[in-house]
Every structure is written in structure tokens, then in C-alpha cells.
Amino acid sequence: MGLLEKFISLPGFNIFYSMSLYLLIGYFFAGVVKFIIPEEKIYNNLSDKKFSDVVKAAFFGVPIPVCSCGVIPLVEHLRRNGASKKATVSFLISTPTTGLDSILATYSLLGPVFAIFRPLSSFLGGILGGLLVKIFVKEGEKTDVEKCKTENVEKETFKEKMISSLKYSFFELVESTGKWILLGVLLGTFISLIIPESFFKSYFSNRFLSYLLMMLTGIPLYVCATGSIPIAASLVFKGLSPGAALVFLITGPATNSATILFVLKKLGKKTLFIYLLSIIIISLISGFLLDLIIGDFNLKENFVMHKHNMGVNYFKLASSLILLVLISRSYIKKIWRKKMEGYKIKVEDIMCSHCANTIEKSLMKVKGVKRVFVDVEKKEVYVEGDFKISEVFNAIRDAGYTPE
């Protein structure tokens, strides 16, 4: 075995090496989906009073690669745009559980059966949650909605849309998921090195008990759909049943303590109960069915093959290096942001990445502005350069937003 092969087979890097190509492909197609189905189209399709908006919400949610905390501003925006409670819950369950990037990454480490089961469970979970909300929760009166500002926005050309989609794919998505991928790889490596083989078969031979363990671990935990994959793969390698691993892959990304508090505050106790119950039901049924279908099929082989008889796939190696560079860029950007000597402006009506891009484009036209950064979560705009602050405020207003 050559030096390069030894390096690739190192614990941790072999997982990252196996996932990187599929992640990059997934990121690319996520950008394509954003290009084909813009956010506004999603928002405008989820305020229907019919049950169809639940199905639409689950359908739209499956391919979008957003984590359980990242989905909160999206869901908030859905409600502001008049989305029904049932559609909101459907979207809230289906979106963080999986995405195009995590589907391909699941295939890379756990094989095709897992890669099919996971998005299917996500879709059905969204429909179940929406259906239960429709049956048991009153919609209530519609409130005045605050829609994403589009009236003063210039239409993007095809070229501009393509560039925007690529930036979304390889900059925004990598920045939001990169740290969780690295954390997942580190935890997966830790499990591989510390936990003995067949640990779960020895101590959790009762599969239903292992389902409950993974469910109780996953629900309060904050882990994204992609970052959870190396953890699940390592657990399967140590003897956990595939079904129990699927329970973790559903409950872990689907919710966490922050999302639970958000649902409680915005949608009420009854909706929160239905939301959690739907996730629990779909995860347990999916886990049971997966074990029933594939039985004791040795999924370890999907994981082990990355350590043995692997050779060097230079395309995968290049993908690993590219992904590392992209993730590193996101950290460098955060360091630069902290050192940025600019003007900070609070803009409360920033709702989404579309808002951020609109404001950034408008500000970059202002004379003297060198750099602009828009923090969607904090609803803040950072501007650097030698400019007149009145012109900056006017540019934000011209884009349709209200600076404070």
C-alpha cells in the first residue's frame, strides 16, 4: 500500500473521502433546484386551504438541504406569507430530515436501500404531520402577512440566475453545512476507534430497545442531515441494526430543542405534540420496515470497502480537496467578518437568502462601498468602504427594506 493509499485509509479521512464527490454533486443539484423552483414559488403554493398544500410542502421540502435550525427562518417566512399550519408542519418535518446532498452522501456510505428509504420516510413524515394537524388543529384566523420584498427588485438575467445558483450551491450551502459535516466525521471517527465491534449486538440485541435509544438520542440533538450520516455509518459498523440507524437519521436532523421551542411558541402546544408524534411514528415504522426488508444484510460492507481494496480514485481525492477548500473558505470568511471594520445596520425585514442577495446587489452599486455581508439570522447588514451612510440607507430602502 502506497503512502497516498495509507493516507486515504486513515480513520476520519476515509469517511470524508468517500462522501465528498457525492456531496459536491448534491450541492450542485440543490442549486439547480433553487434555479428551477425559486423560494417565492414555494411560498406562493403553500397557502391553499386544500390538503394538496400538505403534499406540496412535503414535496418541496425533501430536496432542500436545510438543517433543523436553518429551517426556522424559512418556516417563519412561510407563515408570514400565509402558509397554513398543516403545510408549515409538513415542510418543517420533511425539509431538515434530508436533502439532495444528504441523499447522495447516504448512498456513498450506506448504500442504495438507505438512500431510497430516507427521503421516502421524510416525505411520508411530512404528509403524516400535515394530515394530523388538519384533523386535530384549528387553523385560526389569517393574520396580515409580511411577504418577501419583490416589488422593487430587478429581474435577474439567465446568466445572473446561474451565477446566483452556483454561489448558493458551493458557498452558502457549504458555509451552513460544512461545520456539521466535519463534526459528523469526527464523531464517526471517535465511534469507530472507541466502541468495540458488535457492541450494539451484545448490549442492545433487542431491536425495539435500540430504536428507542436512537430516538431519544436524536430528538434533542442538533445534527444536520449530512453530518448525521458518518455517525450512523459508524454505529452500523459497530453492530447497530440498519433500522435503528435510520431512526437516528430521521429524528436527529428532523428536530432539536430550538425547533421544539419555535413550534411551541409559534404554532401552539397541540401542534407541537403532533409534530413530535409524527416524527416518532414515521421513524419507528421506517426503522422497523427497513430491518424487515433487508434483515441482517451486512451494511458494513459499504463502510468497510472504503478502508480496503480502495486504491486511489483521483477524482474522489480531488473532490475531497475541493470540499476542504470550500469549507475552509467559510471559516476564513467568518474570521474576516469579525475583523471587518465597517458599518452595521439592523434590517428587521430580512427574511431569506433572496432578501440578502437583493440588498447586497443594491449596496454594491453605492459609490465607495467595497464589501457587503448580510447576516440573515441576525438580520444585520455589514458594509465596508468609504461611503455616505445616507446613500447606503437609501439603497436599502430602494431595494424595498427598512434600515434602522
Foldseek 3Di string as FASTA:
>chain_A
DDPVLVVCLPQLNLLLLLQLVLLLVLLLVLLVCCLVQPLVNLLVQQQDPDLVSLLSLLVVQQAHFAFLVRCLLVLVQSLLSRGFLLSSLLNLQLRQLHHSSLLSSLCSQQNDVLSVLRNVLSSVLSSQLSVVCSVPPDRDDRDNHDHDDDPLFDDDDPVRSSVVSVCCSQAVSCLNQVVLLSVLSVLLSVLLPPQAALNCCVVVVPLVVLLVVLLVVQQAAGGTLNSLNSVLSSVVRRNRQNLSSQLNSRNNRSHHPVSLVSCCVPPHDVSSVSSSVSSSVSSNVSSVVVCVVCPVPRSNCSNCVSNPPVPDDVVSVVSSVSSVVSNVVSVVVVVCVVVADFDKWAWPSQRDVVLQVLLQVLQVVFPFWDDWDADSVRRMITTDTDHDVVSSQVSNVSSPTHID
